[in-house]
mmCIF file of all heavy atoms, coordinates in Angstrom:
data_MODEL
# 
_entry.id   MODEL 
# 
loop_
_atom_site.group_PDB 
_atom_site.id 
_atom_site.type_symbol 
_atom_site.label_atom_id 
_atom_site.label_alt_id 
_atom_site.label_comp_id 
_atom_site.label_asym_id 
_atom_site.label_entity_id 
_atom_site.label_seq_id 
_atom_site.pdbx_PDB_ins_code 
_atom_site.Cartn_x 
_atom_site.Cartn_y 
_atom_site.Cartn_z 
_atom_site.occupancy 
_atom_site.B_iso_or_equiv 
_atom_site.pdbx_formal_charge 
_atom_site.auth_seq_id 
_atom_site.auth_comp_id 
_atom_site.auth_asym_id 
_atom_site.auth_atom_id 
_atom_site.pdbx_PDB_model_num 
ATOM 1   N N   . TYR A 1 1  ? 9.128  -12.664 0.488   1.00 0.00 ? 1  TYR A N   1 
ATOM 2   C CA  . TYR A 1 1  ? 10.036 -12.705 -0.653  1.00 0.00 ? 1  TYR A CA  1 
ATOM 3   C C   . TYR A 1 1  ? 9.864  -13.802 -1.557  1.00 0.00 ? 1  TYR A C   1 
ATOM 4   O O   . TYR A 1 1  ? 10.207 -13.801 -2.755  1.00 0.00 ? 1  TYR A O   1 
ATOM 5   C CB  . TYR A 1 1  ? 11.516 -12.607 -0.146  1.00 0.00 ? 1  TYR A CB  1 
ATOM 6   C CG  . TYR A 1 1  ? 12.455 -12.143 -1.055  1.00 0.00 ? 1  TYR A CG  1 
ATOM 7   C CD1 . TYR A 1 1  ? 12.269 -10.863 -1.857  1.00 0.00 ? 1  TYR A CD1 1 
ATOM 8   C CD2 . TYR A 1 1  ? 13.725 -12.605 -1.300  1.00 0.00 ? 1  TYR A CD2 1 
ATOM 9   C CE1 . TYR A 1 1  ? 13.159 -10.364 -2.719  1.00 0.00 ? 1  TYR A CE1 1 
ATOM 10  C CE2 . TYR A 1 1  ? 14.678 -12.127 -2.209  1.00 0.00 ? 1  TYR A CE2 1 
ATOM 11  C CZ  . TYR A 1 1  ? 14.355 -10.983 -2.891  1.00 0.00 ? 1  TYR A CZ  1 
ATOM 12  O OH  . TYR A 1 1  ? 15.313 -10.548 -3.695  1.00 0.00 ? 1  TYR A OH  1 
ATOM 13  N N   . ALA A 1 2  ? 9.237  -14.885 -1.064  1.00 0.00 ? 2  ALA A N   1 
ATOM 14  C CA  . ALA A 1 2  ? 8.949  -16.130 -1.815  1.00 0.00 ? 2  ALA A CA  1 
ATOM 15  C C   . ALA A 1 2  ? 7.586  -16.058 -2.558  1.00 0.00 ? 2  ALA A C   1 
ATOM 16  O O   . ALA A 1 2  ? 7.315  -16.971 -3.337  1.00 0.00 ? 2  ALA A O   1 
ATOM 17  C CB  . ALA A 1 2  ? 8.993  -17.385 -0.899  1.00 0.00 ? 2  ALA A CB  1 
ATOM 18  N N   . LEU A 1 3  ? 6.853  -15.014 -2.341  1.00 0.00 ? 3  LEU A N   1 
ATOM 19  C CA  . LEU A 1 3  ? 5.578  -14.878 -2.998  1.00 0.00 ? 3  LEU A CA  1 
ATOM 20  C C   . LEU A 1 3  ? 5.748  -14.744 -4.488  1.00 0.00 ? 3  LEU A C   1 
ATOM 21  O O   . LEU A 1 3  ? 6.837  -14.169 -4.909  1.00 0.00 ? 3  LEU A O   1 
ATOM 22  C CB  . LEU A 1 3  ? 4.812  -13.597 -2.381  1.00 0.00 ? 3  LEU A CB  1 
ATOM 23  C CG  . LEU A 1 3  ? 4.386  -13.737 -1.083  1.00 0.00 ? 3  LEU A CG  1 
ATOM 24  C CD1 . LEU A 1 3  ? 3.740  -12.391 -0.568  1.00 0.00 ? 3  LEU A CD1 1 
ATOM 25  C CD2 . LEU A 1 3  ? 3.246  -14.903 -0.823  1.00 0.00 ? 3  LEU A CD2 1 
ATOM 26  N N   . PRO A 1 4  ? 4.812  -15.150 -5.254  1.00 0.00 ? 4  PRO A N   1 
ATOM 27  C CA  . PRO A 1 4  ? 5.015  -14.967 -6.810  1.00 0.00 ? 4  PRO A CA  1 
ATOM 28  C C   . PRO A 1 4  ? 5.310  -13.580 -7.203  1.00 0.00 ? 4  PRO A C   1 
ATOM 29  O O   . PRO A 1 4  ? 4.596  -12.685 -6.867  1.00 0.00 ? 4  PRO A O   1 
ATOM 30  C CB  . PRO A 1 4  ? 3.633  -15.504 -7.266  1.00 0.00 ? 4  PRO A CB  1 
ATOM 31  C CG  . PRO A 1 4  ? 3.141  -16.433 -6.251  1.00 0.00 ? 4  PRO A CG  1 
ATOM 32  C CD  . PRO A 1 4  ? 3.526  -15.788 -4.990  1.00 0.00 ? 4  PRO A CD  1 
ATOM 33  N N   . GLY A 1 5  ? 6.337  -13.446 -7.962  1.00 0.00 ? 5  GLY A N   1 
ATOM 34  C CA  . GLY A 1 5  ? 6.735  -12.105 -8.532  1.00 0.00 ? 5  GLY A CA  1 
ATOM 35  C C   . GLY A 1 5  ? 7.576  -11.288 -7.547  1.00 0.00 ? 5  GLY A C   1 
ATOM 36  O O   . GLY A 1 5  ? 8.019  -10.162 -8.007  1.00 0.00 ? 5  GLY A O   1 
ATOM 37  N N   . ALA A 1 6  ? 7.807  -11.727 -6.376  1.00 0.00 ? 6  ALA A N   1 
ATOM 38  C CA  . ALA A 1 6  ? 8.459  -10.748 -5.309  1.00 0.00 ? 6  ALA A CA  1 
ATOM 39  C C   . ALA A 1 6  ? 9.859  -10.579 -5.708  1.00 0.00 ? 6  ALA A C   1 
ATOM 40  O O   . ALA A 1 6  ? 10.363 -9.377  -5.644  1.00 0.00 ? 6  ALA A O   1 
ATOM 41  C CB  . ALA A 1 6  ? 8.287  -11.381 -4.004  1.00 0.00 ? 6  ALA A CB  1 
ATOM 42  N N   . VAL A 1 7  ? 10.587 -11.586 -5.986  1.00 0.00 ? 7  VAL A N   1 
ATOM 43  C CA  . VAL A 1 7  ? 12.058 -11.376 -6.428  1.00 0.00 ? 7  VAL A CA  1 
ATOM 44  C C   . VAL A 1 7  ? 12.178 -10.605 -7.606  1.00 0.00 ? 7  VAL A C   1 
ATOM 45  O O   . VAL A 1 7  ? 13.066 -9.626  -7.631  1.00 0.00 ? 7  VAL A O   1 
ATOM 46  C CB  . VAL A 1 7  ? 12.657 -12.772 -6.586  1.00 0.00 ? 7  VAL A CB  1 
ATOM 47  C CG1 . VAL A 1 7  ? 14.081 -12.472 -7.081  1.00 0.00 ? 7  VAL A CG1 1 
ATOM 48  C CG2 . VAL A 1 7  ? 12.784 -13.579 -5.359  1.00 0.00 ? 7  VAL A CG2 1 
ATOM 49  N N   . GLU A 1 8  ? 11.238 -10.749 -8.676  1.00 0.00 ? 8  GLU A N   1 
ATOM 50  C CA  . GLU A 1 8  ? 11.318 -9.934  -9.818  1.00 0.00 ? 8  GLU A CA  1 
ATOM 51  C C   . GLU A 1 8  ? 11.053 -8.524  -9.544  1.00 0.00 ? 8  GLU A C   1 
ATOM 52  O O   . GLU A 1 8  ? 11.695 -7.599  -10.080 1.00 0.00 ? 8  GLU A O   1 
ATOM 53  C CB  . GLU A 1 8  ? 10.351 -10.490 -10.867 1.00 0.00 ? 8  GLU A CB  1 
ATOM 54  C CG  . GLU A 1 8  ? 10.353 -9.738  -12.212 1.00 0.00 ? 8  GLU A CG  1 
ATOM 55  C CD  . GLU A 1 8  ? 9.363  -10.290 -13.107 1.00 0.00 ? 8  GLU A CD  1 
ATOM 56  O OE1 . GLU A 1 8  ? 8.479  -11.124 -12.740 1.00 0.00 ? 8  GLU A OE1 1 
ATOM 57  O OE2 . GLU A 1 8  ? 9.318  -9.806  -14.277 1.00 0.00 ? 8  GLU A OE2 1 
ATOM 58  N N   . ALA A 1 9  ? 10.064 -8.253  -8.682  1.00 0.00 ? 9  ALA A N   1 
ATOM 59  C CA  . ALA A 1 9  ? 9.661  -6.932  -8.428  1.00 0.00 ? 9  ALA A CA  1 
ATOM 60  C C   . ALA A 1 9  ? 10.816 -6.225  -7.655  1.00 0.00 ? 9  ALA A C   1 
ATOM 61  O O   . ALA A 1 9  ? 11.078 -4.973  -7.915  1.00 0.00 ? 9  ALA A O   1 
ATOM 62  C CB  . ALA A 1 9  ? 8.475  -6.916  -7.509  1.00 0.00 ? 9  ALA A CB  1 
ATOM 63  N N   . GLY A 1 10 ? 11.494 -6.838  -6.768  1.00 0.00 ? 10 GLY A N   1 
ATOM 64  C CA  . GLY A 1 10 ? 12.582 -6.224  -6.108  1.00 0.00 ? 10 GLY A CA  1 
ATOM 65  C C   . GLY A 1 10 ? 13.802 -6.041  -7.055  1.00 0.00 ? 10 GLY A C   1 
ATOM 66  O O   . GLY A 1 10 ? 14.455 -4.986  -6.995  1.00 0.00 ? 10 GLY A O   1 
ATOM 67  N N   . ALA A 1 11 ? 14.038 -6.907  -7.965  1.00 0.00 ? 11 ALA A N   1 
ATOM 68  C CA  . ALA A 1 11 ? 15.109 -6.781  -8.947  1.00 0.00 ? 11 ALA A CA  1 
ATOM 69  C C   . ALA A 1 11 ? 14.870 -5.624  -9.877  1.00 0.00 ? 11 ALA A C   1 
ATOM 70  O O   . ALA A 1 11 ? 15.773 -4.881  -10.297 1.00 0.00 ? 11 ALA A O   1 
ATOM 71  C CB  . ALA A 1 11 ? 15.295 -8.008  -9.684  1.00 0.00 ? 11 ALA A CB  1 
ATOM 72  N N   . GLU A 1 12 ? 13.623 -5.413  -10.224 1.00 0.00 ? 12 GLU A N   1 
ATOM 73  C CA  . GLU A 1 12 ? 13.138 -4.357  -11.135 1.00 0.00 ? 12 GLU A CA  1 
ATOM 74  C C   . GLU A 1 12 ? 13.484 -2.955  -10.523 1.00 0.00 ? 12 GLU A C   1 
ATOM 75  O O   . GLU A 1 12 ? 13.760 -2.013  -11.262 1.00 0.00 ? 12 GLU A O   1 
ATOM 76  C CB  . GLU A 1 12 ? 11.826 -4.443  -11.513 1.00 0.00 ? 12 GLU A CB  1 
ATOM 77  C CG  . GLU A 1 12 ? 11.413 -5.522  -12.411 1.00 0.00 ? 12 GLU A CG  1 
ATOM 78  C CD  . GLU A 1 12 ? 12.096 -5.500  -13.802 1.00 0.00 ? 12 GLU A CD  1 
ATOM 79  O OE1 . GLU A 1 12 ? 12.358 -4.352  -14.309 1.00 0.00 ? 12 GLU A OE1 1 
ATOM 80  O OE2 . GLU A 1 12 ? 12.308 -6.479  -14.410 1.00 0.00 ? 12 GLU A OE2 1 
ATOM 81  N N   . LEU A 1 13 ? 13.569 -2.827  -9.274  1.00 0.00 ? 13 LEU A N   1 
ATOM 82  C CA  . LEU A 1 13 ? 13.969 -1.626  -8.581  1.00 0.00 ? 13 LEU A CA  1 
ATOM 83  C C   . LEU A 1 13 ? 15.387 -1.232  -9.070  1.00 0.00 ? 13 LEU A C   1 
ATOM 84  O O   . LEU A 1 13 ? 15.788 -0.103  -9.251  1.00 0.00 ? 13 LEU A O   1 
ATOM 85  C CB  . LEU A 1 13 ? 13.909 -1.688  -7.086  1.00 0.00 ? 13 LEU A CB  1 
ATOM 86  C CG  . LEU A 1 13 ? 12.433 -1.698  -6.465  1.00 0.00 ? 13 LEU A CG  1 
ATOM 87  C CD1 . LEU A 1 13 ? 12.474 -2.010  -5.048  1.00 0.00 ? 13 LEU A CD1 1 
ATOM 88  C CD2 . LEU A 1 13 ? 11.752 -0.353  -6.707  1.00 0.00 ? 13 LEU A CD2 1 
ATOM 89  N N   . TYR A 1 14 ? 16.254 -2.243  -8.955  1.00 0.00 ? 14 TYR A N   1 
ATOM 90  C CA  . TYR A 1 14 ? 17.652 -2.004  -9.394  1.00 0.00 ? 14 TYR A CA  1 
ATOM 91  C C   . TYR A 1 14 ? 17.816 -1.864  -10.896 1.00 0.00 ? 14 TYR A C   1 
ATOM 92  O O   . TYR A 1 14 ? 18.659 -1.031  -11.377 1.00 0.00 ? 14 TYR A O   1 
ATOM 93  C CB  . TYR A 1 14 ? 18.552 -3.236  -8.977  1.00 0.00 ? 14 TYR A CB  1 
ATOM 94  C CG  . TYR A 1 14 ? 18.594 -3.317  -7.458  1.00 0.00 ? 14 TYR A CG  1 
ATOM 95  C CD1 . TYR A 1 14 ? 17.679 -4.090  -6.788  1.00 0.00 ? 14 TYR A CD1 1 
ATOM 96  C CD2 . TYR A 1 14 ? 19.672 -2.691  -6.777  1.00 0.00 ? 14 TYR A CD2 1 
ATOM 97  C CE1 . TYR A 1 14 ? 17.774 -4.190  -5.385  1.00 0.00 ? 14 TYR A CE1 1 
ATOM 98  C CE2 . TYR A 1 14 ? 19.799 -2.846  -5.418  1.00 0.00 ? 14 TYR A CE2 1 
ATOM 99  C CZ  . TYR A 1 14 ? 18.780 -3.601  -4.689  1.00 0.00 ? 14 TYR A CZ  1 
ATOM 100 O OH  . TYR A 1 14 ? 18.928 -3.641  -3.352  1.00 0.00 ? 14 TYR A OH  1 
ATOM 101 N N   . ARG A 1 15 ? 16.946 -2.489  -11.720 1.00 0.00 ? 15 ARG A N   1 
ATOM 102 C CA  . ARG A 1 15 ? 17.031 -2.380  -13.160 1.00 0.00 ? 15 ARG A CA  1 
ATOM 103 C C   . ARG A 1 15 ? 16.438 -1.002  -13.537 1.00 0.00 ? 15 ARG A C   1 
ATOM 104 O O   . ARG A 1 15 ? 16.808 -0.578  -14.715 1.00 0.00 ? 15 ARG A O   1 
ATOM 105 C CB  . ARG A 1 15 ? 16.208 -3.539  -13.791 1.00 0.00 ? 15 ARG A CB  1 
ATOM 106 C CG  . ARG A 1 15 ? 16.777 -4.792  -13.547 1.00 0.00 ? 15 ARG A CG  1 
ATOM 107 C CD  . ARG A 1 15 ? 15.922 -5.983  -13.894 1.00 0.00 ? 15 ARG A CD  1 
ATOM 108 N NE  . ARG A 1 15 ? 16.464 -7.251  -13.458 1.00 0.00 ? 15 ARG A NE  1 
ATOM 109 C CZ  . ARG A 1 15 ? 15.838 -8.422  -13.186 1.00 0.00 ? 15 ARG A CZ  1 
ATOM 110 N NH1 . ARG A 1 15 ? 14.458 -8.380  -13.466 1.00 0.00 ? 15 ARG A NH1 1 
ATOM 111 N NH2 . ARG A 1 15 ? 16.390 -9.481  -12.867 1.00 0.00 ? 15 ARG A NH2 1 
ATOM 112 N N   . ALA A 1 16 ? 15.840 -0.299  -12.752 1.00 0.00 ? 16 ALA A N   1 
ATOM 113 C CA  . ALA A 1 16 ? 15.276 0.991   -13.011 1.00 0.00 ? 16 ALA A CA  1 
ATOM 114 C C   . ALA A 1 16 ? 16.335 2.130   -12.661 1.00 0.00 ? 16 ALA A C   1 
ATOM 115 O O   . ALA A 1 16 ? 15.999 3.304   -12.827 1.00 0.00 ? 16 ALA A O   1 
ATOM 116 C CB  . ALA A 1 16 ? 14.038 1.260   -12.280 1.00 0.00 ? 16 ALA A CB  1 
ATOM 117 N N   . PHE A 1 17 ? 17.437 1.823   -12.164 1.00 0.00 ? 17 PHE A N   1 
ATOM 118 C CA  . PHE A 1 17 ? 18.469 2.801   -11.770 1.00 0.00 ? 17 PHE A CA  1 
ATOM 119 C C   . PHE A 1 17 ? 18.709 3.866   -12.864 1.00 0.00 ? 17 PHE A C   1 
ATOM 120 O O   . PHE A 1 17 ? 18.727 4.977   -12.633 1.00 0.00 ? 17 PHE A O   1 
ATOM 121 C CB  . PHE A 1 17 ? 19.696 2.125   -11.356 1.00 0.00 ? 17 PHE A CB  1 
ATOM 122 C CG  . PHE A 1 17 ? 19.770 1.660   -9.936  1.00 0.00 ? 17 PHE A CG  1 
ATOM 123 C CD1 . PHE A 1 17 ? 18.630 1.727   -9.176  1.00 0.00 ? 17 PHE A CD1 1 
ATOM 124 C CD2 . PHE A 1 17 ? 20.844 1.227   -9.268  1.00 0.00 ? 17 PHE A CD2 1 
ATOM 125 C CE1 . PHE A 1 17 ? 18.521 1.374   -7.819  1.00 0.00 ? 17 PHE A CE1 1 
ATOM 126 C CE2 . PHE A 1 17 ? 20.966 0.708   -7.938  1.00 0.00 ? 17 PHE A CE2 1 
ATOM 127 C CZ  . PHE A 1 17 ? 19.754 0.848   -7.268  1.00 0.00 ? 17 PHE A CZ  1 
ATOM 128 N N   . PRO A 1 18 ? 18.940 3.410   -14.137 1.00 0.00 ? 18 PRO A N   1 
ATOM 129 C CA  . PRO A 1 18 ? 19.149 4.477   -15.197 1.00 0.00 ? 18 PRO A CA  1 
ATOM 130 C C   . PRO A 1 18 ? 18.068 5.474   -15.310 1.00 0.00 ? 18 PRO A C   1 
ATOM 131 O O   . PRO A 1 18 ? 18.297 6.624   -15.450 1.00 0.00 ? 18 PRO A O   1 
ATOM 132 C CB  . PRO A 1 18 ? 19.323 3.623   -16.470 1.00 0.00 ? 18 PRO A CB  1 
ATOM 133 C CG  . PRO A 1 18 ? 19.789 2.291   -16.009 1.00 0.00 ? 18 PRO A CG  1 
ATOM 134 C CD  . PRO A 1 18 ? 19.151 2.041   -14.630 1.00 0.00 ? 18 PRO A CD  1 
ATOM 135 N N   . LYS A 1 19 ? 16.784 5.056   -15.190 1.00 0.00 ? 19 LYS A N   1 
ATOM 136 C CA  . LYS A 1 19 ? 15.665 5.969   -15.318 1.00 0.00 ? 19 LYS A CA  1 
ATOM 137 C C   . LYS A 1 19 ? 15.553 6.825   -14.029 1.00 0.00 ? 19 LYS A C   1 
ATOM 138 O O   . LYS A 1 19 ? 15.288 8.014   -14.115 1.00 0.00 ? 19 LYS A O   1 
ATOM 139 C CB  . LYS A 1 19 ? 14.375 5.147   -15.445 1.00 0.00 ? 19 LYS A CB  1 
ATOM 140 C CG  . LYS A 1 19 ? 13.105 6.051   -15.651 1.00 0.00 ? 19 LYS A CG  1 
ATOM 141 C CD  . LYS A 1 19 ? 13.214 6.854   -16.940 1.00 0.00 ? 19 LYS A CD  1 
ATOM 142 C CE  . LYS A 1 19 ? 11.799 7.476   -17.410 1.00 0.00 ? 19 LYS A CE  1 
ATOM 143 N NZ  . LYS A 1 19 ? 11.466 8.514   -16.461 1.00 0.00 ? 19 LYS A NZ  1 
ATOM 144 N N   . ASP A 1 20 ? 15.822 6.207   -12.894 1.00 0.00 ? 20 ASP A N   1 
ATOM 145 C CA  . ASP A 1 20 ? 15.878 6.970   -11.634 1.00 0.00 ? 20 ASP A CA  1 
ATOM 146 C C   . ASP A 1 20 ? 16.927 8.076   -11.694 1.00 0.00 ? 20 ASP A C   1 
ATOM 147 O O   . ASP A 1 20 ? 16.725 9.204   -11.262 1.00 0.00 ? 20 ASP A O   1 
ATOM 148 C CB  . ASP A 1 20 ? 16.164 6.111   -10.415 1.00 0.00 ? 20 ASP A CB  1 
ATOM 149 C CG  . ASP A 1 20 ? 15.084 5.085   -10.163 1.00 0.00 ? 20 ASP A CG  1 
ATOM 150 O OD1 . ASP A 1 20 ? 13.965 5.297   -10.618 1.00 0.00 ? 20 ASP A OD1 1 
ATOM 151 O OD2 . ASP A 1 20 ? 15.370 4.056   -9.545  1.00 0.00 ? 20 ASP A OD2 1 
ATOM 152 N N   . LEU A 1 21 ? 18.100 7.775   -12.226 1.00 0.00 ? 21 LEU A N   1 
ATOM 153 C CA  . LEU A 1 21 ? 19.144 8.779   -12.331 1.00 0.00 ? 21 LEU A CA  1 
ATOM 154 C C   . LEU A 1 21 ? 18.739 9.985   -13.226 1.00 0.00 ? 21 LEU A C   1 
ATOM 155 O O   . LEU A 1 21 ? 18.922 11.059  -12.842 1.00 0.00 ? 21 LEU A O   1 
ATOM 156 C CB  . LEU A 1 21 ? 20.452 8.119   -12.923 1.00 0.00 ? 21 LEU A CB  1 
ATOM 157 C CG  . LEU A 1 21 ? 21.560 9.084   -13.352 1.00 0.00 ? 21 LEU A CG  1 
ATOM 158 C CD1 . LEU A 1 21 ? 22.135 9.808   -12.180 1.00 0.00 ? 21 LEU A CD1 1 
ATOM 159 C CD2 . LEU A 1 21 ? 22.680 8.271   -14.034 1.00 0.00 ? 21 LEU A CD2 1 
ATOM 160 N N   . GLU A 1 22 ? 18.038 9.546   -14.328 1.00 0.00 ? 22 GLU A N   1 
ATOM 161 C CA  . GLU A 1 22 ? 17.490 10.595  -15.227 1.00 0.00 ? 22 GLU A CA  1 
ATOM 162 C C   . GLU A 1 22 ? 16.442 11.499  -14.533 1.00 0.00 ? 22 GLU A C   1 
ATOM 163 O O   . GLU A 1 22 ? 16.580 12.635  -14.558 1.00 0.00 ? 22 GLU A O   1 
ATOM 164 C CB  . GLU A 1 22 ? 16.914 9.985   -16.423 1.00 0.00 ? 22 GLU A CB  1 
ATOM 165 C CG  . GLU A 1 22 ? 16.292 10.772  -17.409 1.00 0.00 ? 22 GLU A CG  1 
ATOM 166 C CD  . GLU A 1 22 ? 15.737 10.051  -18.672 1.00 0.00 ? 22 GLU A CD  1 
ATOM 167 O OE1 . GLU A 1 22 ? 16.176 9.009   -18.915 1.00 0.00 ? 22 GLU A OE1 1 
ATOM 168 O OE2 . GLU A 1 22 ? 14.693 10.649  -19.185 1.00 0.00 ? 22 GLU A OE2 1 
ATOM 169 N N   . ASP A 1 23 ? 15.557 10.875  -13.857 1.00 0.00 ? 23 ASP A N   1 
ATOM 170 C CA  . ASP A 1 23 ? 14.449 11.580  -13.176 1.00 0.00 ? 23 ASP A CA  1 
ATOM 171 C C   . ASP A 1 23 ? 14.964 12.394  -12.075 1.00 0.00 ? 23 ASP A C   1 
ATOM 172 O O   . ASP A 1 23 ? 14.515 13.572  -11.994 1.00 0.00 ? 23 ASP A O   1 
ATOM 173 C CB  . ASP A 1 23 ? 13.465 10.515  -12.662 1.00 0.00 ? 23 ASP A CB  1 
ATOM 174 C CG  . ASP A 1 23 ? 12.624 9.880   -13.792 1.00 0.00 ? 23 ASP A CG  1 
ATOM 175 O OD1 . ASP A 1 23 ? 12.660 10.321  -14.923 1.00 0.00 ? 23 ASP A OD1 1 
ATOM 176 O OD2 . ASP A 1 23 ? 12.024 8.808   -13.484 1.00 0.00 ? 23 ASP A OD2 1 
ATOM 177 N N   . ASN A 1 24 ? 15.890 11.865  -11.197 1.00 0.00 ? 24 ASN A N   1 
ATOM 178 C CA  . ASN A 1 24 ? 16.336 12.666  -10.064 1.00 0.00 ? 24 ASN A CA  1 
ATOM 179 C C   . ASN A 1 24 ? 17.169 13.758  -10.483 1.00 0.00 ? 24 ASN A C   1 
ATOM 180 O O   . ASN A 1 24 ? 17.175 14.887  -9.804  1.00 0.00 ? 24 ASN A O   1 
ATOM 181 C CB  . ASN A 1 24 ? 17.145 11.738  -9.193  1.00 0.00 ? 24 ASN A CB  1 
ATOM 182 C CG  . ASN A 1 24 ? 16.193 10.694  -8.357  1.00 0.00 ? 24 ASN A CG  1 
ATOM 183 O OD1 . ASN A 1 24 ? 15.061 11.018  -8.296  1.00 0.00 ? 24 ASN A OD1 1 
ATOM 184 N ND2 . ASN A 1 24 ? 16.748 9.610   -8.054  1.00 0.00 ? 24 ASN A ND2 1 
ATOM 185 N N   . THR A 1 25 ? 18.021 13.527  -11.558 1.00 0.00 ? 25 THR A N   1 
ATOM 186 C CA  . THR A 1 25 ? 18.804 14.648  -12.073 1.00 0.00 ? 25 THR A CA  1 
ATOM 187 C C   . THR A 1 25 ? 17.912 15.792  -12.587 1.00 0.00 ? 25 THR A C   1 
ATOM 188 O O   . THR A 1 25 ? 18.238 16.992  -12.311 1.00 0.00 ? 25 THR A O   1 
ATOM 189 C CB  . THR A 1 25 ? 19.733 14.167  -13.184 1.00 0.00 ? 25 THR A CB  1 
ATOM 190 O OG1 . THR A 1 25 ? 20.592 13.187  -12.754 1.00 0.00 ? 25 THR A OG1 1 
ATOM 191 C CG2 . THR A 1 25 ? 20.574 15.311  -13.733 1.00 0.00 ? 25 THR A CG2 1 
# 
C-alpha cells in the first residue's frame, strides 16, 4: 500500500463509483 501510486489507485476505485453505477445498470 506504501508503493508509489498505490493509495491513489485504491482511491480511484471509489471515485469511479458513478461510472460503475452507470455501467452496471
